[in-house]
């Protein structure tokens, strides 16, 4: 008894069955032919169940009576408006009431077939598991070797790229009058134009194309629009000192605009006066807390 209503066993059985679970199994290339046939039979049973469920959805759905009653109301309104007898056609509620028990019975039988076929396929896979595991393991080893080889190649190329970034940073310094010694490292971790590690806004390291673009953007921000020296466009030498406030200890200090930009972008500092920041570094300039207030 629920909420004062007595539910008979027939009332409970009138509910549509839950969809049967279908176990996800390995691709066919890892399975013997006999197991593949069992899985194909299971899949066919599942498709038969789904097709039947879709075909009779209006009768199976939990709100079937409300939907059928609404359809009867609409049909009667149309019939009267067109001058026809509203009782001439079979009502939707009568049709659904007659069909529902048989539809649910058939659906239960189809669900049972799916579960039986799935159990047979699962048992066959478990029986062949040693051979299946061996085949998967072989492919895993091949993939592991490819990954390790590709990673080693990528890290080697990254080190070479980092060394060239160091040399480009040397050339950039000389463009604006510097005289630092040219680095001679064969490999190095790539760094930004102002010598910082390459990170995203959440301080996580970047790799691959994202790292390359971040390095290039750091040169552009620092006043070197011709990142790869392709056009001979001169460097922008407007890199004055600006005032920033540390967000770690509140200390106020001055730094080159390009360096200050890196501090601010990393979330380590804020500009005291954003108007001091040169135009080519203005993107991302934030006001102080006092200004924001």
Protein backbone atom coordinates (compact mmCIF):
# COMPACT_ATOMS: atom_id res chain seq x y z
CA UNK A 1 0.00 0.00 0.00
CA UNK A 2 1.40 3.40 -1.04
CA UNK A 3 -0.34 6.64 -0.06
CA UNK A 4 -3.46 4.68 0.83
CA UNK A 5 -3.67 2.91 -2.56
CA UNK A 6 -3.32 -0.83 -2.77
CA UNK A 7 -1.06 -1.95 -5.63
CA UNK A 8 -1.81 -5.38 -6.99
CA UNK A 9 0.86 -7.56 -8.60
CA UNK A 10 -0.81 -6.89 -11.96
CA UNK A 11 -0.42 -3.12 -11.43
CA UNK A 12 3.30 -3.51 -10.86
CA UNK A 13 3.76 -5.80 -13.87
CA UNK A 14 2.03 -3.15 -16.03
CA UNK A 15 5.16 -1.02 -15.83
CA UNK A 16 7.40 -1.09 -18.89
CA UNK A 17 10.64 -3.04 -18.24
CA UNK A 18 13.96 -1.33 -17.77
CA UNK A 19 16.20 -1.44 -20.81
CA UNK A 20 18.63 -4.39 -20.62
CA UNK A 21 22.30 -3.63 -20.05
CA UNK A 22 24.66 -4.48 -22.89
CA UNK A 23 28.27 -5.13 -21.87
CA UNK A 24 30.95 -3.20 -23.74
CA UNK A 25 33.41 -5.71 -25.21
CA UNK A 26 36.78 -5.43 -27.03
CA UNK A 27 36.99 -4.70 -30.78
CA UNK A 28 36.56 -7.67 -33.09
CA UNK A 29 40.28 -7.86 -33.95
CA UNK A 30 41.00 -9.12 -30.43
CA UNK A 31 38.29 -11.81 -30.45
CA UNK A 32 38.05 -15.28 -32.02
CA UNK A 33 35.48 -15.74 -34.81
CA UNK A 34 33.17 -17.77 -32.57
CA UNK A 35 33.07 -14.97 -30.00
CA UNK A 36 32.47 -12.39 -32.72
CA UNK A 37 29.40 -14.37 -33.84
CA UNK A 38 27.99 -14.37 -30.31
CA UNK A 39 28.50 -10.63 -30.04
CA UNK A 40 26.84 -10.11 -33.43
CA UNK A 41 23.85 -12.15 -32.22
CA UNK A 42 23.72 -10.07 -29.04
CA UNK A 43 23.84 -6.83 -31.03
CA UNK A 44 21.06 -8.07 -33.34
CA UNK A 45 18.87 -8.87 -30.32
CA UNK A 46 19.57 -5.40 -28.92
CA UNK A 47 18.64 -3.69 -32.20
CA UNK A 48 15.42 -5.71 -32.34
CA UNK A 49 14.56 -4.59 -28.81
CA UNK A 50 15.33 -0.93 -29.58
CA UNK A 51 13.34 -0.96 -32.84
CA UNK A 52 10.31 -2.46 -31.10
CA UNK A 53 10.58 0.03 -28.25
CA UNK A 54 10.76 2.96 -30.67
CA UNK A 55 7.82 1.66 -32.72
CA UNK A 56 5.57 1.44 -29.67
CA UNK A 57 6.91 4.37 -27.67
CA UNK A 58 3.49 6.04 -27.42
CA UNK A 59 2.11 2.95 -25.65
CA UNK A 60 5.17 2.19 -23.51
CA UNK A 61 5.85 5.67 -22.14
CA UNK A 62 4.94 6.23 -18.49
CA UNK A 63 2.49 9.05 -19.32
CA UNK A 64 0.80 7.11 -22.11
CA UNK A 65 -2.71 7.64 -20.70
CA UNK A 66 -2.36 11.44 -20.51
CA UNK A 67 -0.96 11.57 -24.04
CA UNK A 68 -3.74 9.35 -25.41
CA UNK A 69 -6.45 11.37 -23.67
CA UNK A 70 -5.06 14.60 -25.07
CA UNK A 71 -4.97 13.06 -28.56
CA UNK A 72 -8.64 12.04 -28.17
CA UNK A 73 -9.60 15.58 -27.15
CA UNK A 74 -7.86 17.08 -30.14
CA UNK A 75 -9.39 14.52 -32.52
CA UNK A 76 -12.89 15.20 -31.18
CA UNK A 77 -12.46 18.96 -31.55
CA UNK A 78 -11.32 18.57 -35.15
CA UNK A 79 -14.15 16.13 -35.97
CA UNK A 80 -16.84 18.44 -34.62
CA UNK A 81 -15.32 21.47 -36.36
CA UNK A 82 -15.37 19.53 -39.64
CA UNK A 83 -18.93 18.27 -39.12
CA UNK A 84 -17.94 14.64 -38.52
CA UNK A 85 -19.00 12.22 -35.79
CA UNK A 86 -16.42 12.51 -32.96
CA UNK A 87 -17.16 8.87 -31.99
CA UNK A 88 -16.71 7.33 -35.42
CA UNK A 89 -12.99 6.55 -35.06
CA UNK A 90 -11.43 4.32 -32.44
CA UNK A 91 -10.21 6.43 -29.54
CA UNK A 92 -6.53 6.69 -28.80
CA UNK A 93 -7.08 5.74 -25.18
CA UNK A 94 -8.93 2.54 -26.19
CA UNK A 95 -6.24 1.61 -28.70
CA UNK A 96 -3.43 2.23 -26.21
CA UNK A 97 -5.24 0.33 -23.44
CA UNK A 98 -5.68 -2.71 -25.70
CA UNK A 99 -2.14 -2.68 -27.03
CA UNK A 100 -0.20 -1.86 -23.89
CA UNK A 101 -0.32 -5.26 -22.13
CA UNK A 102 0.79 -7.11 -25.28
CA UNK A 103 3.44 -4.54 -26.11
CA UNK A 104 4.89 -4.71 -22.61
CA UNK A 105 4.82 -8.51 -22.69
CA UNK A 106 6.66 -8.57 -26.01
CA UNK A 107 9.13 -5.97 -24.77
CA UNK A 108 9.90 -8.08 -21.70
CA UNK A 109 10.56 -11.09 -23.90
CA UNK A 110 12.85 -9.08 -26.18
CA UNK A 111 14.71 -7.74 -23.15
CA UNK A 112 15.17 -11.29 -21.87
CA UNK A 113 16.65 -12.30 -25.24
CA UNK A 114 19.13 -9.43 -25.07
CA UNK A 115 20.21 -10.38 -21.55
CA UNK A 116 20.60 -14.04 -22.52
CA UNK A 117 22.64 -13.17 -25.61
CA UNK A 118 24.78 -10.70 -23.65
CA UNK A 119 25.48 -13.31 -20.95
CA UNK A 120 26.58 -15.81 -23.61
CA UNK A 121 28.92 -13.27 -25.22
CA UNK A 122 30.39 -12.27 -21.86
CA UNK A 123 31.00 -15.91 -20.90
CA UNK A 124 32.76 -16.56 -24.21
CA UNK A 125 34.97 -13.49 -23.81
CA UNK A 126 35.90 -14.53 -20.29
CA UNK A 127 36.82 -18.00 -21.54
CA UNK A 128 39.12 -16.53 -24.19
CA UNK A 129 40.53 -13.84 -21.87
CA UNK A 130 44.15 -15.14 -21.79
CA UNK A 131 44.44 -14.93 -25.59
CA UNK A 132 42.61 -11.60 -25.68
CA UNK A 133 44.89 -10.18 -22.99
CA UNK A 134 47.97 -11.33 -24.91
CA UNK A 135 46.79 -9.62 -28.11
CA UNK A 136 45.94 -6.39 -26.28
CA UNK A 137 49.27 -6.47 -24.45
CA UNK A 138 51.18 -6.80 -27.74
CA UNK A 139 49.44 -3.74 -29.15
CA UNK A 140 50.02 -1.88 -25.89
CA UNK A 141 53.76 -2.59 -26.11
CA UNK A 142 53.86 -1.39 -29.71
CA UNK A 143 52.00 1.80 -28.78
CA UNK A 144 54.32 2.31 -25.78
CA UNK A 145 57.40 2.04 -27.99
CA UNK A 146 55.95 4.51 -30.51
CA UNK A 147 55.05 6.93 -27.74
CA UNK A 148 58.47 6.75 -26.09
CA UNK A 149 60.22 7.22 -29.44
CA UNK A 150 58.00 10.13 -30.44
CA UNK A 151 58.43 11.78 -27.03
CA UNK A 152 62.22 11.47 -27.20
CA UNK A 153 62.18 13.01 -30.68
CA UNK A 154 59.89 15.81 -29.51
CA UNK A 155 62.02 16.59 -26.45
CA UNK A 156 65.16 16.66 -28.59
CA UNK A 157 63.51 19.10 -31.01
CA UNK A 158 62.24 21.15 -28.07
CA UNK A 159 65.75 21.44 -26.66
CA UNK A 160 67.10 22.61 -30.01
CA UNK A 161 64.25 25.10 -30.29
CA UNK A 162 64.98 26.38 -26.77
CA UNK A 163 68.63 26.94 -27.66
CA UNK A 164 67.58 28.97 -30.71
CA UNK A 165 65.18 31.01 -28.55
CA UNK A 166 68.15 31.87 -26.32
CA UNK A 167 70.07 33.07 -29.37
CA UNK A 168 67.06 35.08 -30.59
CA UNK A 169 66.86 36.68 -27.16
CA UNK A 170 70.57 37.59 -27.51
CA UNK A 171 69.91 39.17 -30.93
CA UNK A 172 66.90 41.04 -29.51
CA UNK A 173 69.04 42.48 -26.72
CA UNK A 174 71.63 43.66 -29.22
CA UNK A 175 68.90 45.25 -31.36
CA UNK A 176 68.24 47.71 -28.55
CA UNK A 177 71.89 48.35 -27.71
CA UNK A 178 72.75 45.48 -25.40
CA UNK A 179 76.04 43.61 -25.39
CA UNK A 180 75.37 40.29 -23.65
CA UNK A 181 77.47 37.26 -24.63
CA UNK A 182 75.87 34.99 -27.21
CA UNK A 183 74.78 31.70 -25.57
CA UNK A 184 76.37 28.51 -26.85
CA UNK A 185 74.08 25.84 -25.37
CA UNK A 186 73.24 23.03 -27.78
CA UNK A 187 69.89 22.50 -26.05
CA UNK A 188 67.83 24.50 -23.57
CA UNK A 189 64.32 24.75 -22.22
CA UNK A 190 62.41 27.37 -24.22
CA UNK A 191 61.84 30.62 -22.36
CA UNK A 192 59.96 33.82 -23.08
CA UNK A 193 61.60 36.93 -24.49
CA UNK A 194 62.14 38.19 -20.95
CA UNK A 195 63.62 34.91 -19.69
CA UNK A 196 60.65 33.35 -17.88
CA UNK A 197 59.36 29.79 -18.11
CA UNK A 198 56.56 29.37 -20.64
CA UNK A 199 53.29 28.92 -18.73
CA UNK A 200 49.58 29.44 -19.27
CA UNK A 201 47.46 31.76 -17.14
CA UNK A 202 47.10 29.02 -14.53
CA UNK A 203 50.90 28.66 -14.23
CA UNK A 204 50.93 25.31 -15.99
CA UNK A 205 53.72 24.54 -18.48
CA UNK A 206 52.97 24.67 -22.19
CA UNK A 207 54.32 22.32 -24.83
CA UNK A 208 54.26 21.94 -28.57
CA UNK A 209 52.55 24.52 -30.77
CA UNK A 210 51.09 26.31 -27.72
CA UNK A 211 54.58 26.79 -26.27
CA UNK A 212 55.96 28.06 -29.59
CA UNK A 213 53.15 30.58 -29.96
CA UNK A 214 53.56 31.76 -26.35
CA UNK A 215 57.26 32.38 -26.95
CA UNK A 216 56.54 34.27 -30.19
CA UNK A 217 53.87 36.35 -28.47
CA UNK A 218 56.32 37.21 -25.68
CA UNK A 219 58.70 38.68 -28.26
CA UNK A 220 55.89 40.68 -29.84
CA UNK A 221 54.83 41.99 -26.43
CA UNK A 222 58.40 42.98 -25.68
CA UNK A 223 58.55 45.17 -28.78
CA UNK A 224 59.94 42.75 -31.38
CA UNK A 225 57.12 42.41 -33.94
CA UNK A 226 59.42 40.65 -36.44
CA UNK A 227 59.81 37.59 -34.25
CA UNK A 228 61.82 35.51 -36.73
CA UNK A 229 63.70 38.37 -38.35
CA UNK A 230 61.96 37.83 -41.68
CA UNK A 231 61.15 41.43 -42.60
CA UNK A 232 63.91 43.34 -40.88
CA UNK A 233 61.28 45.41 -39.06
CA UNK A 234 63.08 47.32 -36.30
CA UNK A 235 62.48 46.54 -32.65
CA UNK A 236 60.35 48.90 -30.63
CA UNK A 237 62.72 50.34 -28.07
CA UNK A 238 59.96 51.83 -25.95
CA UNK A 239 60.52 49.72 -22.84
CA UNK A 240 60.52 52.23 -19.98
CA UNK A 241 60.37 51.37 -16.33
CA UNK A 242 56.90 51.18 -14.82
CA UNK A 243 55.74 50.87 -11.22
CA UNK A 244 54.17 47.65 -10.00
CA UNK A 245 53.01 46.36 -6.64
CA UNK A 246 53.77 42.79 -5.57
CA UNK A 247 50.66 40.77 -4.82
CA UNK A 248 52.74 38.53 -2.57
CA UNK A 249 54.09 41.03 -0.05
CA UNK A 250 52.72 44.41 -1.17
CA UNK A 251 56.17 45.81 -2.06
CA UNK A 252 56.15 48.57 -4.69
CA UNK A 253 59.03 48.59 -7.18
CA UNK A 254 59.95 49.58 -10.71
CA UNK A 255 60.77 47.22 -13.56
CA UNK A 256 61.10 47.37 -17.31
CA UNK A 257 57.67 47.39 -18.91
CA UNK A 258 58.29 44.07 -20.67
CA UNK A 259 59.38 42.44 -17.39
CA UNK A 260 56.52 44.03 -15.45
CA UNK A 261 54.08 42.67 -18.02
CA UNK A 262 55.31 39.15 -17.30
CA UNK A 263 54.88 39.66 -13.53
CA UNK A 264 51.34 40.96 -14.02
CA UNK A 265 50.33 38.21 -16.44
CA UNK A 266 51.57 35.57 -14.00
CA UNK A 267 49.44 37.10 -11.25
CA UNK A 268 52.47 38.05 -9.15
CA UNK A 269 51.97 41.83 -9.37
CA UNK A 270 49.64 44.65 -10.44
CA UNK A 271 50.32 47.95 -12.16
CA UNK A 272 50.25 50.98 -9.89
CA UNK A 273 49.59 53.25 -12.87
CA UNK A 274 48.49 51.40 -16.04
CA UNK A 275 48.83 54.63 -18.05
CA UNK A 276 52.63 54.22 -17.79
CA UNK A 277 52.52 51.00 -19.81
CA UNK A 278 53.58 51.38 -23.48
CA UNK A 279 50.92 50.70 -26.09
CA UNK A 280 52.52 47.48 -27.34
CA UNK A 281 52.34 46.06 -23.80
CA UNK A 282 49.00 47.57 -22.89
CA UNK A 283 46.98 44.42 -23.63
CA UNK A 284 46.13 42.83 -20.31
CA UNK A 285 47.13 45.87 -18.25
CA UNK A 286 45.05 45.92 -15.08
CA UNK A 287 44.33 48.74 -12.70
CA UNK A 288 45.29 48.64 -9.06
CA UNK A 289 42.84 47.47 -6.43
CA UNK A 290 42.38 51.08 -5.37
CA UNK A 291 41.58 52.10 -8.97
CA UNK A 292 39.13 49.23 -9.29
CA UNK A 293 37.41 50.28 -6.09
